[in-house]
Amino acid sequence: MSGVENRYQPRVSLKVEIGIHTETNFYTGFAMNVSAGGIFIATHVPAKVGEEIPLSFTLPNSPKPIEAVGVVCWYREYNPLYPETHPGMGLKFKEIPEAVEKTIDDYIKNIREPYFHPEEDE
């Protein structure tokens, strides 16, 4: 793993396709979680730390795609000892418009974790 992961904002699970543009490629990957500050993208071929990547993705509460630029802050390689842990890269959003940040914040605030109700003895 490279880089240091610092989280200052709430992060929630997100399973959506995401368009990733690099100087040499355009490909579709999967976003695994998002915050107003950044996004984790599952991929076996992460970009280099420090690389700026234009992104495009749609949140369930957004009628149009979100366009943003992310800076790769860290990456995680595939580890066969932990196959359930996705390889990928963490990107910090770079100067996103206030309206986009609000759309992401609204999405996060409206996510509800399932409640656990233990069975009661009868």
PDB file of N, CA and C in Angstrom:
ATOM      1  N   MET A   1       0.859  -1.174   0.000  1.00  0.00           N
ATOM      2  CA  MET A   1       0.000   0.000   0.000  1.00  0.00           C
ATOM      3  C   MET A   1       0.898   1.227   0.000  1.00  0.00           C
ATOM      4  N   SER A   2       0.438   2.266  -0.646  1.00  0.00           N
ATOM      5  CA  SER A   2       1.244   3.469  -0.720  1.00  0.00           C
ATOM      6  C   SER A   2       0.395   4.657  -0.306  1.00  0.00           C
ATOM      7  N   GLY A   3       0.998   5.622   0.298  1.00  0.00           N
ATOM      8  CA  GLY A   3       0.275   6.822   0.700  1.00  0.00           C
ATOM      9  C   GLY A   3      -0.377   6.624   2.061  1.00  0.00           C
ATOM     10  N   VAL A   4      -0.942   7.675   2.581  1.00  0.00           N
ATOM     11  CA  VAL A   4      -1.595   7.636   3.873  1.00  0.00           C
ATOM     12  C   VAL A   4      -3.047   7.975   3.674  1.00  0.00           C
ATOM     13  N   GLU A   5      -3.901   7.183   4.275  1.00  0.00           N
ATOM     14  CA  GLU A   5      -5.326   7.419   4.143  1.00  0.00           C
ATOM     15  C   GLU A   5      -5.811   8.224   5.348  1.00  0.00           C
ATOM     16  N   ASN A   6      -6.351   9.400   5.101  1.00  0.00           N
ATOM     17  CA  ASN A   6      -6.895  10.248   6.154  1.00  0.00           C
ATOM     18  C   ASN A   6      -8.341  10.541   5.821  1.00  0.00           C
ATOM     19  N   ARG A   7      -9.232  10.189   6.738  1.00  0.00           N
ATOM     20  CA  ARG A   7     -10.643  10.444   6.506  1.00  0.00           C
ATOM     21  C   ARG A   7     -11.138  11.485   7.489  1.00  0.00           C
ATOM     22  N   TYR A   8     -11.669  12.575   6.939  1.00  0.00           N
ATOM     23  CA  TYR A   8     -12.189  13.645   7.768  1.00  0.00           C
ATOM     24  C   TYR A   8     -13.699  13.781   7.628  1.00  0.00           C
ATOM     25  N   GLN A   9     -14.290  13.058   6.677  1.00  0.00           N
ATOM     26  CA  GLN A   9     -15.709  13.190   6.412  1.00  0.00           C
ATOM     27  C   GLN A   9     -16.370  11.827   6.408  1.00  0.00           C
ATOM     28  N   PRO A  10     -17.668  11.766   6.715  1.00  0.00           N
ATOM     29  CA  PRO A  10     -18.358  10.471   6.705  1.00  0.00           C
ATOM     30  C   PRO A  10     -18.269   9.813   5.330  1.00  0.00           C
ATOM     31  N   ARG A  11     -18.111   8.511   5.323  1.00  0.00           N
ATOM     32  CA  ARG A  11     -17.979   7.738   4.088  1.00  0.00           C
ATOM     33  C   ARG A  11     -19.034   6.645   4.137  1.00  0.00           C
ATOM     34  N   VAL A  12     -19.708   6.412   3.014  1.00  0.00           N
ATOM     35  CA  VAL A  12     -20.723   5.374   2.948  1.00  0.00           C
ATOM     36  C   VAL A  12     -20.460   4.468   1.753  1.00  0.00           C
ATOM     37  N   SER A  13     -21.013   3.268   1.839  1.00  0.00           N
ATOM     38  CA  SER A  13     -20.885   2.320   0.731  1.00  0.00           C
ATOM     39  C   SER A  13     -21.586   2.850  -0.500  1.00  0.00           C
ATOM     40  N   LEU A  14     -21.023   2.535  -1.640  1.00  0.00           N
ATOM     41  CA  LEU A  14     -21.583   2.964  -2.913  1.00  0.00           C
ATOM     42  C   LEU A  14     -21.192   1.926  -3.940  1.00  0.00           C
ATOM     43  N   LYS A  15     -22.166   1.400  -4.657  1.00  0.00           N
ATOM     44  CA  LYS A  15     -21.873   0.414  -5.696  1.00  0.00           C
ATOM     45  C   LYS A  15     -22.422   0.943  -7.017  1.00  0.00           C
ATOM     46  N   VAL A  16     -21.616   1.711  -7.723  1.00  0.00           N
ATOM     47  CA  VAL A  16     -22.017   2.261  -9.012  1.00  0.00           C
ATOM     48  C   VAL A  16     -20.855   2.166  -9.986  1.00  0.00           C
ATOM     49  N   GLU A  17     -21.184   2.117 -11.272  1.00  0.00           N
ATOM     50  CA  GLU A  17     -20.147   2.178 -12.293  1.00  0.00           C
ATOM     51  C   GLU A  17     -19.581   3.587 -12.309  1.00  0.00           C
ATOM     52  N   ILE A  18     -18.304   3.673 -12.618  1.00  0.00           N
ATOM     53  CA  ILE A  18     -17.660   4.978 -12.673  1.00  0.00           C
ATOM     54  C   ILE A  18     -16.768   5.030 -13.904  1.00  0.00           C
ATOM     55  N   GLY A  19     -16.863   6.117 -14.631  1.00  0.00           N
ATOM     56  CA  GLY A  19     -15.998   6.312 -15.787  1.00  0.00           C
ATOM     57  C   GLY A  19     -14.702   6.956 -15.341  1.00  0.00           C
ATOM     58  N   ILE A  20     -13.599   6.384 -15.784  1.00  0.00           N
ATOM     59  CA  ILE A  20     -12.288   6.879 -15.394  1.00  0.00           C
ATOM     60  C   ILE A  20     -11.523   7.246 -16.656  1.00  0.00           C
ATOM     61  N   HIS A  21     -11.050   8.479 -16.707  1.00  0.00           N
ATOM     62  CA  HIS A  21     -10.314   8.963 -17.871  1.00  0.00           C
ATOM     63  C   HIS A  21      -8.859   9.168 -17.466  1.00  0.00           C
ATOM     64  N   THR A  22      -7.948   8.596 -18.227  1.00  0.00           N
ATOM     65  CA  THR A  22      -6.534   8.885 -18.013  1.00  0.00           C
ATOM     66  C   THR A  22      -5.974   9.378 -19.336  1.00  0.00           C
ATOM     67  N   GLU A  23      -4.713   9.742 -19.353  1.00  0.00           N
ATOM     68  CA  GLU A  23      -4.111  10.236 -20.591  1.00  0.00           C
ATOM     69  C   GLU A  23      -4.163   9.199 -21.699  1.00  0.00           C
ATOM     70  N   THR A  24      -4.118   7.921 -21.329  1.00  0.00           N
ATOM     71  CA  THR A  24      -4.060   6.868 -22.349  1.00  0.00           C
ATOM     72  C   THR A  24      -5.308   6.011 -22.427  1.00  0.00           C
ATOM     73  N   ASN A  25      -6.198   6.098 -21.455  1.00  0.00           N
ATOM     74  CA  ASN A  25      -7.346   5.194 -21.408  1.00  0.00           C
ATOM     75  C   ASN A  25      -8.623   5.875 -20.935  1.00  0.00           C
ATOM     76  N   PHE A  26      -9.725   5.252 -21.328  1.00  0.00           N
ATOM     77  CA  PHE A  26     -11.009   5.499 -20.675  1.00  0.00           C
ATOM     78  C   PHE A  26     -11.524   4.120 -20.316  1.00  0.00           C
ATOM     79  N   TYR A  27     -11.884   3.905 -19.069  1.00  0.00           N
ATOM     80  CA  TYR A  27     -12.460   2.617 -18.721  1.00  0.00           C
ATOM     81  C   TYR A  27     -13.496   2.806 -17.640  1.00  0.00           C
ATOM     82  N   THR A  28     -14.299   1.764 -17.465  1.00  0.00           N
ATOM     83  CA  THR A  28     -15.340   1.786 -16.456  1.00  0.00           C
ATOM     84  C   THR A  28     -14.930   0.877 -15.318  1.00  0.00           C
ATOM     85  N   GLY A  29     -14.999   1.386 -14.118  1.00  0.00           N
ATOM     86  CA  GLY A  29     -14.704   0.604 -12.931  1.00  0.00           C
ATOM     87  C   GLY A  29     -15.895   0.668 -11.997  1.00  0.00           C
ATOM     88  N   PHE A  30     -15.686   0.319 -10.755  1.00  0.00           N
ATOM     89  CA  PHE A  30     -16.758   0.366  -9.775  1.00  0.00           C
ATOM     90  C   PHE A  30     -16.325   1.161  -8.565  1.00  0.00           C
ATOM     91  N   ALA A  31     -17.159   2.134  -8.197  1.00  0.00           N
ATOM     92  CA  ALA A  31     -16.934   2.877  -6.967  1.00  0.00           C
ATOM     93  C   ALA A  31     -17.449   2.014  -5.825  1.00  0.00           C
ATOM     94  N   MET A  32     -16.703   1.939  -4.752  1.00  0.00           N
ATOM     95  CA  MET A  32     -17.088   1.109  -3.613  1.00  0.00           C
ATOM     96  C   MET A  32     -17.579   1.930  -2.431  1.00  0.00           C
ATOM     97  N   ASN A  33     -17.063   3.139  -2.267  1.00  0.00           N
ATOM     98  CA  ASN A  33     -17.571   4.029  -1.230  1.00  0.00           C
ATOM     99  C   ASN A  33     -17.228   5.461  -1.608  1.00  0.00           C
ATOM    100  N   VAL A  34     -17.953   6.393  -0.963  1.00  0.00           N
ATOM    101  CA  VAL A  34     -17.807   7.795  -1.315  1.00  0.00           C
ATOM    102  C   VAL A  34     -17.982   8.661  -0.076  1.00  0.00           C
ATOM    103  N   SER A  35     -17.316   9.805  -0.083  1.00  0.00           N
ATOM    104  CA  SER A  35     -17.549  10.853   0.901  1.00  0.00           C
ATOM    105  C   SER A  35     -17.513  12.158   0.133  1.00  0.00           C
ATOM    106  N   ALA A  36     -17.810  13.265   0.804  1.00  0.00           N
ATOM    107  CA  ALA A  36     -17.737  14.555   0.131  1.00  0.00           C
ATOM    108  C   ALA A  36     -16.291  14.895  -0.214  1.00  0.00           C
ATOM    109  N   GLY A  37     -15.341  14.184   0.388  1.00  0.00           N
ATOM    110  CA  GLY A  37     -13.942  14.472   0.137  1.00  0.00           C
ATOM    111  C   GLY A  37     -13.275  13.565  -0.875  1.00  0.00           C
ATOM    112  N   GLY A  38     -13.874  12.381  -1.149  1.00  0.00           N
ATOM    113  CA  GLY A  38     -13.214  11.474  -2.074  1.00  0.00           C
ATOM    114  C   GLY A  38     -13.996  10.203  -2.327  1.00  0.00           C
ATOM    115  N   ILE A  39     -13.341   9.267  -3.022  1.00  0.00           N
ATOM    116  CA  ILE A  39     -14.014   8.059  -3.472  1.00  0.00           C
ATOM    117  C   ILE A  39     -13.002   6.915  -3.557  1.00  0.00           C
ATOM    118  N   PHE A  40     -13.467   5.697  -3.283  1.00  0.00           N
ATOM    119  CA  PHE A  40     -12.630   4.513  -3.467  1.00  0.00           C
ATOM    120  C   PHE A  40     -13.114   3.795  -4.717  1.00  0.00           C
ATOM    121  N   ILE A  41     -12.176   3.476  -5.610  1.00  0.00           N
ATOM    122  CA  ILE A  41     -12.510   2.793  -6.850  1.00  0.00           C
ATOM    123  C   ILE A  41     -11.840   1.434  -6.848  1.00  0.00           C
ATOM    124  N   ALA A  42     -12.643   0.383  -7.002  1.00  0.00           N
ATOM    125  CA  ALA A  42     -12.111  -0.976  -7.079  1.00  0.00           C
ATOM    126  C   ALA A  42     -11.501  -1.191  -8.451  1.00  0.00           C
ATOM    127  N   THR A  43     -10.239  -1.573  -8.473  1.00  0.00           N
ATOM    128  CA  THR A  43      -9.541  -1.844  -9.720  1.00  0.00           C
ATOM    129  C   THR A  43      -8.288  -2.657  -9.426  1.00  0.00           C
ATOM    130  N   HIS A  44      -7.918  -3.524 -10.355  1.00  0.00           N
ATOM    131  CA  HIS A  44      -6.674  -4.273 -10.229  1.00  0.00           C
ATOM    132  C   HIS A  44      -5.495  -3.495 -10.817  1.00  0.00           C
ATOM    133  N   VAL A  45      -5.795  -2.382 -11.487  1.00  0.00           N
ATOM    134  CA  VAL A  45      -4.750  -1.578 -12.121  1.00  0.00           C
ATOM    135  C   VAL A  45      -4.881  -0.130 -11.642  1.00  0.00           C
ATOM    136  N   PRO A  46      -4.422   0.153 -10.428  1.00  0.00           N
ATOM    137  CA  PRO A  46      -4.554   1.524  -9.928  1.00  0.00           C
ATOM    138  C   PRO A  46      -3.587   2.472 -10.619  1.00  0.00           C
ATOM    139  N   ALA A  47      -3.982   3.733 -10.633  1.00  0.00           N
ATOM    140  CA  ALA A  47      -3.105   4.784 -11.155  1.00  0.00           C
ATOM    141  C   ALA A  47      -2.033   5.083 -10.104  1.00  0.00           C
ATOM    142  N   LYS A  48      -1.070   5.872 -10.485  1.00  0.00           N
ATOM    143  CA  LYS A  48       0.019   6.229  -9.585  1.00  0.00           C
ATOM    144  C   LYS A  48      -0.437   7.263  -8.561  1.00  0.00           C
ATOM    145  N   VAL A  49       0.103   7.186  -7.357  1.00  0.00           N
ATOM    146  CA  VAL A  49      -0.173   8.178  -6.327  1.00  0.00           C
ATOM    147  C   VAL A  49       0.215   9.548  -6.867  1.00  0.00           C
ATOM    148  N   GLY A  50      -0.691  10.506  -6.698  1.00  0.00           N
ATOM    149  CA  GLY A  50      -0.469  11.866  -7.179  1.00  0.00           C
ATOM    150  C   GLY A  50      -1.082  12.135  -8.540  1.00  0.00           C
ATOM    151  N   GLU A  51      -1.459  11.084  -9.276  1.00  0.00           N
ATOM    152  CA  GLU A  51      -2.056  11.286 -10.606  1.00  0.00           C
ATOM    153  C   GLU A  51      -3.462  11.862 -10.473  1.00  0.00           C
ATOM    154  N   GLU A  52      -3.782  12.829 -11.323  1.00  0.00           N
ATOM    155  CA  GLU A  52      -5.116  13.427 -11.359  1.00  0.00           C
ATOM    156  C   GLU A  52      -5.941  12.700 -12.411  1.00  0.00           C
ATOM    157  N   ILE A  53      -7.160  12.296 -12.025  1.00  0.00           N
ATOM    158  CA  ILE A  53      -8.004  11.501 -12.904  1.00  0.00           C
ATOM    159  C   ILE A  53      -9.398  12.115 -12.985  1.00  0.00           C
ATOM    160  N   PRO A  54      -9.857  12.502 -14.178  1.00  0.00           N
ATOM    161  CA  PRO A  54     -11.245  12.935 -14.339  1.00  0.00           C
ATOM    162  C   PRO A  54     -12.188  11.744 -14.137  1.00  0.00           C
ATOM    163  N   LEU A  55     -13.262  11.973 -13.382  1.00  0.00           N
ATOM    164  CA  LEU A  55     -14.216  10.926 -13.043  1.00  0.00           C
ATOM    165  C   LEU A  55     -15.620  11.324 -13.458  1.00  0.00           C
ATOM    166  N   SER A  56     -16.450  10.325 -13.703  1.00  0.00           N
ATOM    167  CA  SER A  56     -17.866  10.557 -13.990  1.00  0.00           C
ATOM    168  C   SER A  56     -18.663   9.415 -13.369  1.00  0.00           C
ATOM    169  N   PHE A  57     -19.626   9.762 -12.487  1.00  0.00           N
ATOM    170  CA  PHE A  57     -20.476   8.740 -11.867  1.00  0.00           C
ATOM    171  C   PHE A  57     -21.815   9.347 -11.504  1.00  0.00           C
ATOM    172  N   THR A  58     -22.804   8.482 -11.329  1.00  0.00           N
ATOM    173  CA  THR A  58     -24.152   8.941 -11.002  1.00  0.00           C
ATOM    174  C   THR A  58     -24.573   8.370  -9.660  1.00  0.00           C
ATOM    175  N   LEU A  59     -24.980   9.233  -8.761  1.00  0.00           N
ATOM    176  CA  LEU A  59     -25.526   8.803  -7.479  1.00  0.00           C
ATOM    177  C   LEU A  59     -27.016   8.562  -7.636  1.00  0.00           C
ATOM    178  N   PRO A  60     -27.601   7.689  -6.822  1.00  0.00           N
ATOM    179  CA  PRO A  60     -29.041   7.429  -6.924  1.00  0.00           C
ATOM    180  C   PRO A  60     -29.910   8.674  -6.751  1.00  0.00           C
ATOM    181  N   ASN A  61     -29.423   9.694  -6.023  1.00  0.00           N
ATOM    182  CA  ASN A  61     -30.207  10.908  -5.796  1.00  0.00           C
ATOM    183  C   ASN A  61     -29.905  12.013  -6.800  1.00  0.00           C
ATOM    184  N   SER A  62     -29.112  11.713  -7.838  1.00  0.00           N
ATOM    185  CA  SER A  62     -28.703  12.739  -8.790  1.00  0.00           C
ATOM    186  C   SER A  62     -29.231  12.419 -10.181  1.00  0.00           C
ATOM    187  N   PRO A  63     -29.949  13.342 -10.801  1.00  0.00           N
ATOM    188  CA  PRO A  63     -30.494  13.075 -12.136  1.00  0.00           C
ATOM    189  C   PRO A  63     -29.439  13.096 -13.238  1.00  0.00           C
ATOM    190  N   LYS A  64     -28.294  13.711 -12.963  1.00  0.00           N
ATOM    191  CA  LYS A  64     -27.249  13.770 -13.989  1.00  0.00           C
ATOM    192  C   LYS A  64     -25.922  13.299 -13.394  1.00  0.00           C
ATOM    193  N   PRO A  65     -25.007  12.850 -14.242  1.00  0.00           N
ATOM    194  CA  PRO A  65     -23.720  12.373 -13.736  1.00  0.00           C
ATOM    195  C   PRO A  65     -22.931  13.459 -13.017  1.00  0.00           C
ATOM    196  N   ILE A  66     -22.186  13.023 -12.024  1.00  0.00           N
ATOM    197  CA  ILE A  66     -21.282  13.906 -11.309  1.00  0.00           C
ATOM    198  C   ILE A  66     -19.941  13.852 -12.025  1.00  0.00           C
ATOM    199  N   GLU A  67     -19.433  15.010 -12.366  1.00  0.00           N
ATOM    200  CA  GLU A  67     -18.132  15.119 -13.017  1.00  0.00           C
ATOM    201  C   GLU A  67     -17.182  15.720 -11.991  1.00  0.00           C
ATOM    202  N   ALA A  68     -16.050  15.063 -11.790  1.00  0.00           N
ATOM    203  CA  ALA A  68     -15.087  15.547 -10.805  1.00  0.00           C
ATOM    204  C   ALA A  68     -13.688  15.109 -11.228  1.00  0.00           C
ATOM    205  N   VAL A  69     -12.711  15.723 -10.615  1.00  0.00           N
ATOM    206  CA  VAL A  69     -11.325  15.290 -10.784  1.00  0.00           C
ATOM    207  C   VAL A  69     -10.869  14.770  -9.431  1.00  0.00           C
ATOM    208  N   GLY A  70     -10.263  13.600  -9.432  1.00  0.00           N
ATOM    209  CA  GLY A  70      -9.736  13.022  -8.209  1.00  0.00           C
ATOM    210  C   GLY A  70      -8.231  12.870  -8.294  1.00  0.00           C
ATOM    211  N   VAL A  71      -7.565  13.020  -7.159  1.00  0.00           N
ATOM    212  CA  VAL A  71      -6.124  12.820  -7.067  1.00  0.00           C
ATOM    213  C   VAL A  71      -5.907  11.518  -6.301  1.00  0.00           C
ATOM    214  N   VAL A  72      -5.149  10.604  -6.881  1.00  0.00           N
ATOM    215  CA  VAL A  72      -4.875   9.327  -6.229  1.00  0.00           C
ATOM    216  C   VAL A  72      -4.011   9.581  -5.002  1.00  0.00           C
ATOM    217  N   CYS A  73      -4.536   9.193  -3.826  1.00  0.00           N
ATOM    218  CA  CYS A  73      -3.814   9.395  -2.568  1.00  0.00           C
ATOM    219  C   CYS A  73      -3.178   8.103  -2.058  1.00  0.00           C
ATOM    220  N   TRP A  74      -3.784   6.973  -2.390  1.00  0.00           N
ATOM    221  CA  TRP A  74      -3.266   5.681  -1.933  1.00  0.00           C
ATOM    222  C   TRP A  74      -3.840   4.584  -2.807  1.00  0.00           C
ATOM    223  N   TYR A  75      -3.229   3.423  -2.720  1.00  0.00           N
ATOM    224  CA  TYR A  75      -3.766   2.269  -3.441  1.00  0.00           C
ATOM    225  C   TYR A  75      -3.583   1.016  -2.591  1.00  0.00           C
ATOM    226  N   ARG A  76      -4.370  -0.005  -2.933  1.00  0.00           N
ATOM    227  CA  ARG A  76      -4.300  -1.286  -2.239  1.00  0.00           C
ATOM    228  C   ARG A  76      -4.236  -2.374  -3.298  1.00  0.00           C
ATOM    229  N   GLU A  77      -3.207  -3.188  -3.243  1.00  0.00           N
ATOM    230  CA  GLU A  77      -3.066  -4.282  -4.189  1.00  0.00           C
ATOM    231  C   GLU A  77      -3.887  -5.482  -3.731  1.00  0.00           C
ATOM    232  N   TYR A  78      -4.167  -6.380  -4.670  1.00  0.00           N
ATOM    233  CA  TYR A  78      -4.875  -7.611  -4.330  1.00  0.00           C
ATOM    234  C   TYR A  78      -4.018  -8.443  -3.395  1.00  0.00           C
ATOM    235  N   ASN A  79      -4.624  -8.992  -2.345  1.00  0.00           N
ATOM    236  CA  ASN A  79      -3.936  -9.853  -1.401  1.00  0.00           C
ATOM    237  C   ASN A  79      -4.711 -11.155  -1.296  1.00  0.00           C
ATOM    238  N   PRO A  80      -4.154 -12.285  -1.780  1.00  0.00           N
ATOM    239  CA  PRO A  80      -4.876 -13.547  -1.751  1.00  0.00           C
ATOM    240  C   PRO A  80      -5.223 -14.023  -0.338  1.00  0.00           C
ATOM    241  N   LEU A  81      -4.556 -13.488   0.674  1.00  0.00           N
ATOM    242  CA  LEU A  81      -4.903 -13.845   2.053  1.00  0.00           C
ATOM    243  C   LEU A  81      -6.214 -13.203   2.497  1.00  0.00           C
ATOM    244  N   TYR A  82      -6.614 -12.120   1.800  1.00  0.00           N
ATOM    245  CA  TYR A  82      -7.847 -11.396   2.116  1.00  0.00           C
ATOM    246  C   TYR A  82      -8.636 -11.164   0.829  1.00  0.00           C
ATOM    247  N   PRO A  83      -9.140 -12.239   0.206  1.00  0.00           N
ATOM    248  CA  PRO A  83      -9.790 -12.081  -1.102  1.00  0.00           C
ATOM    249  C   PRO A  83     -11.064 -11.231  -1.071  1.00  0.00           C
ATOM    250  N   GLU A  84     -11.669 -11.061   0.109  1.00  0.00           N
ATOM    251  CA  GLU A  84     -12.889 -10.246   0.203  1.00  0.00           C
ATOM    252  C   GLU A  84     -12.580  -8.746   0.231  1.00  0.00           C
ATOM    253  N   THR A  85     -11.317  -8.385   0.406  1.00  0.00           N
ATOM    254  CA  THR A  85     -10.910  -6.986   0.418  1.00  0.00           C
ATOM    255  C   THR A  85     -10.517  -6.577  -0.991  1.00  0.00           C
ATOM    256  N   HIS A  86     -11.256  -5.639  -1.542  1.00  0.00           N
ATOM    257  CA  HIS A  86     -11.055  -5.228  -2.921  1.00  0.00           C
ATOM    258  C   HIS A  86      -9.751  -4.462  -3.124  1.00  0.00           C
ATOM    259  N   PRO A  87      -9.025  -4.794  -4.180  1.00  0.00           N
ATOM    260  CA  PRO A  87      -7.900  -3.944  -4.547  1.00  0.00           C
ATOM    261  C   PRO A  87      -8.448  -2.663  -5.167  1.00  0.00           C
ATOM    262  N   GLY A  88      -7.689  -1.609  -5.135  1.00  0.00           N
ATOM    263  CA  GLY A  88      -8.175  -0.373  -5.740  1.00  0.00           C
ATOM    264  C   GLY A  88      -7.379   0.828  -5.297  1.00  0.00           C
ATOM    265  N   MET A  89      -8.004   1.988  -5.458  1.00  0.00           N
ATOM    266  CA  MET A  89      -7.310   3.234  -5.146  1.00  0.00           C
ATOM    267  C   MET A  89      -8.275   4.225  -4.502  1.00  0.00           C
ATOM    268  N   GLY A  90      -7.722   5.000  -3.585  1.00  0.00           N
ATOM    269  CA  GLY A  90      -8.472   6.059  -2.929  1.00  0.00           C
ATOM    270  C   GLY A  90      -8.124   7.386  -3.557  1.00  0.00           C
ATOM    271  N   LEU A  91      -9.153   8.105  -3.979  1.00  0.00           N
ATOM    272  CA  LEU A  91      -8.947   9.409  -4.614  1.00  0.00           C
ATOM    273  C   LEU A  91      -9.582  10.507  -3.779  1.00  0.00           C
ATOM    274  N   LYS A  92      -8.886  11.607  -3.668  1.00  0.00           N
ATOM    275  CA  LYS A  92      -9.427  12.802  -3.016  1.00  0.00           C
ATOM    276  C   LYS A  92      -9.936  13.708  -4.118  1.00  0.00           C
ATOM    277  N   PHE A  93     -11.175  14.203  -3.959  1.00  0.00           N
ATOM    278  CA  PHE A  93     -11.708  15.123  -4.953  1.00  0.00           C
ATOM    279  C   PHE A  93     -10.897  16.413  -4.937  1.00  0.00           C
ATOM    280  N   LYS A  94     -10.691  16.953  -6.116  1.00  0.00           N
ATOM    281  CA  LYS A  94      -9.945  18.202  -6.257  1.00  0.00           C
ATOM    282  C   LYS A  94     -10.916  19.294  -6.698  1.00  0.00           C
ATOM    283  N   GLU A  95     -11.138  20.274  -5.850  1.00  0.00           N
ATOM    284  CA  GLU A  95     -11.946  21.439  -6.191  1.00  0.00           C
ATOM    285  C   GLU A  95     -13.263  21.084  -6.873  1.00  0.00           C
ATOM    286  N   ILE A  96     -14.132  20.365  -6.139  1.00  0.00           N
ATOM    287  CA  ILE A  96     -15.435  20.064  -6.729  1.00  0.00           C
ATOM    288  C   ILE A  96     -16.378  21.238  -6.479  1.00  0.00           C
ATOM    289  N   PRO A  97     -17.299  21.476  -7.411  1.00  0.00           N
ATOM    290  CA  PRO A  97     -18.260  22.567  -7.225  1.00  0.00           C
ATOM    291  C   PRO A  97     -19.112  22.342  -5.969  1.00  0.00           C
ATOM    292  N   GLU A  98     -19.529  23.425  -5.363  1.00  0.00           N
ATOM    293  CA  GLU A  98     -20.338  23.346  -4.141  1.00  0.00           C
ATOM    294  C   GLU A  98     -21.604  22.522  -4.360  1.00  0.00           C
ATOM    295  N   ALA A  99     -22.241  22.644  -5.524  1.00  0.00           N
ATOM    296  CA  ALA A  99     -23.463  21.883  -5.808  1.00  0.00           C
ATOM    297  C   ALA A  99     -23.189  20.378  -5.831  1.00  0.00           C
ATOM    298  N   VAL A 100     -22.031  19.991  -6.353  1.00  0.00           N
ATOM    299  CA  VAL A 100     -21.670  18.568  -6.385  1.00  0.00           C
ATOM    300  C   VAL A 100     -21.412  18.070  -4.970  1.00  0.00           C
ATOM    301  N   GLU A 101     -20.695  18.854  -4.177  1.00  0.00           N
ATOM    302  CA  GLU A 101     -20.441  18.478  -2.786  1.00  0.00           C
ATOM    303  C   GLU A 101     -21.754  18.333  -2.016  1.00  0.00           C
ATOM    304  N   LYS A 102     -22.708  19.227  -2.275  1.00  0.00           N
ATOM    305  CA  LYS A 102     -24.017  19.144  -1.624  1.00  0.00           C
ATOM    306  C   LYS A 102     -24.756  17.877  -2.050  1.00  0.00           C
ATOM    307  N   THR A 103     -24.697  17.509  -3.324  1.00  0.00           N
ATOM    308  CA  THR A 103     -25.348  16.291  -3.805  1.00  0.00           C
ATOM    309  C   THR A 103     -24.770  15.069  -3.099  1.00  0.00           C
ATOM    310  N   ILE A 104     -23.449  15.032  -2.957  1.00  0.00           N
ATOM    311  CA  ILE A 104     -22.814  13.911  -2.266  1.00  0.00           C
ATOM    312  C   ILE A 104     -23.196  13.916  -0.789  1.00  0.00           C
ATOM    313  N   ASP A 105     -23.157  15.079  -0.137  1.00  0.00           N
ATOM    314  CA  ASP A 105     -23.552  15.184   1.273  1.00  0.00           C
ATOM    315  C   ASP A 105     -24.989  14.718   1.480  1.00  0.00           C
ATOM    316  N   ASP A 106     -25.902  15.137   0.601  1.00  0.00           N
ATOM    317  CA  ASP A 106     -27.312  14.725   0.714  1.00  0.00           C
ATOM    318  C   ASP A 106     -27.445  13.216   0.586  1.00  0.00           C
ATOM    319  N   TYR A 107     -26.699  12.628  -0.353  1.00  0.00           N
ATOM    320  CA  TYR A 107     -26.720  11.178  -0.517  1.00  0.00           C
ATOM    321  C   TYR A 107     -26.261  10.489   0.765  1.00  0.00           C
ATOM    322  N   ILE A 108     -25.155  10.956   1.333  1.00  0.00           N
ATOM    323  CA  ILE A 108     -24.618  10.351   2.553  1.00  0.00           C
ATOM    324  C   ILE A 108     -25.596  10.489   3.714  1.00  0.00           C
ATOM    325  N   LYS A 109     -26.207  11.655   3.862  1.00  0.00           N
ATOM    326  CA  LYS A 109     -27.133  11.888   4.971  1.00  0.00           C
ATOM    327  C   LYS A 109     -28.389  11.038   4.868  1.00  0.00           C
ATOM    328  N   ASN A 110     -28.761  10.631   3.655  1.00  0.00           N
ATOM    329  CA  ASN A 110     -29.985   9.853   3.474  1.00  0.00           C
ATOM    330  C   ASN A 110     -29.770   8.348   3.481  1.00  0.00           C
ATOM    331  N   ILE A 111     -28.520   7.909   3.593  1.00  0.00           N
ATOM    332  CA  ILE A 111     -28.231   6.483   3.706  1.00  0.00           C
ATOM    333  C   ILE A 111     -28.575   6.065   5.125  1.00  0.00           C
ATOM    334  N   ARG A 112     -29.291   4.998   5.248  1.00  0.00           N
ATOM    335  CA  ARG A 112     -29.650   4.475   6.565  1.00  0.00           C
ATOM    336  C   ARG A 112     -29.064   3.085   6.718  1.00  0.00           C
ATOM    337  N   GLU A 113     -28.270   2.906   7.756  1.00  0.00           N
ATOM    338  CA  GLU A 113     -27.750   1.580   8.051  1.00  0.00           C
ATOM    339  C   GLU A 113     -28.897   0.725   8.579  1.00  0.00           C
ATOM    340  N   PRO A 114     -28.901  -0.576   8.241  1.00  0.00           N
ATOM    341  CA  PRO A 114     -29.970  -1.427   8.753  1.00  0.00           C
ATOM    342  C   PRO A 114     -29.876  -1.536  10.271  1.00  0.00           C
ATOM    343  N   TYR A 115     -31.032  -1.560  10.893  1.00  0.00           N
ATOM    344  CA  TYR A 115     -31.080  -1.707  12.338  1.00  0.00           C
ATOM    345  C   TYR A 115     -31.001  -3.188  12.678  1.00  0.00           C
ATOM    346  N   PHE A 116     -30.308  -3.502  13.758  1.00  0.00           N
ATOM    347  CA  PHE A 116     -30.236  -4.869  14.234  1.00  0.00           C
ATOM    348  C   PHE A 116     -31.221  -5.001  15.373  1.00  0.00           C
ATOM    349  N   HIS A 117     -32.159  -5.925  15.229  1.00  0.00           N
ATOM    350  CA  HIS A 117     -33.156  -6.179  16.268  1.00  0.00           C
ATOM    351  C   HIS A 117     -32.925  -7.574  16.819  1.00  0.00           C
ATOM    352  N   PRO A 118     -32.315  -7.689  17.998  1.00  0.00           N
ATOM    353  CA  PRO A 118     -32.090  -9.016  18.551  1.00  0.00           C
ATOM    354  C   PRO A 118     -33.422  -9.684  18.873  1.00  0.00           C
ATOM    355  N   GLU A 119     -33.441 -11.004  18.706  1.00  0.00           N
ATOM    356  CA  GLU A 119     -34.667 -11.728  19.029  1.00  0.00           C
ATOM    357  C   GLU A 119     -34.879 -11.691  20.531  1.00  0.00           C
ATOM    358  N   GLU A 120     -36.125 -11.458  20.898  1.00  0.00           N
ATOM    359  CA  GLU A 120     -36.435 -11.405  22.318  1.00  0.00           C
ATOM    360  C   GLU A 120     -36.873 -12.789  22.770  1.00  0.00           C
ATOM    361  N   ASP A 121     -36.522 -13.120  24.022  1.00  0.00           N
ATOM    362  CA  ASP A 121     -36.975 -14.399  24.574  1.00  0.00           C
ATOM    363  C   ASP A 121     -38.465 -14.315  24.816  1.00  0.00           C
ATOM    364  N   GLU A 122     -39.146 -15.426  24.502  1.00  0.00           N
ATOM    365  CA  GLU A 122     -40.606 -15.433  24.702  1.00  0.00           C
ATOM    366  C   GLU A 122     -40.953 -16.027  26.018  1.00  0.00           C
TER     367      GLU A 122
END
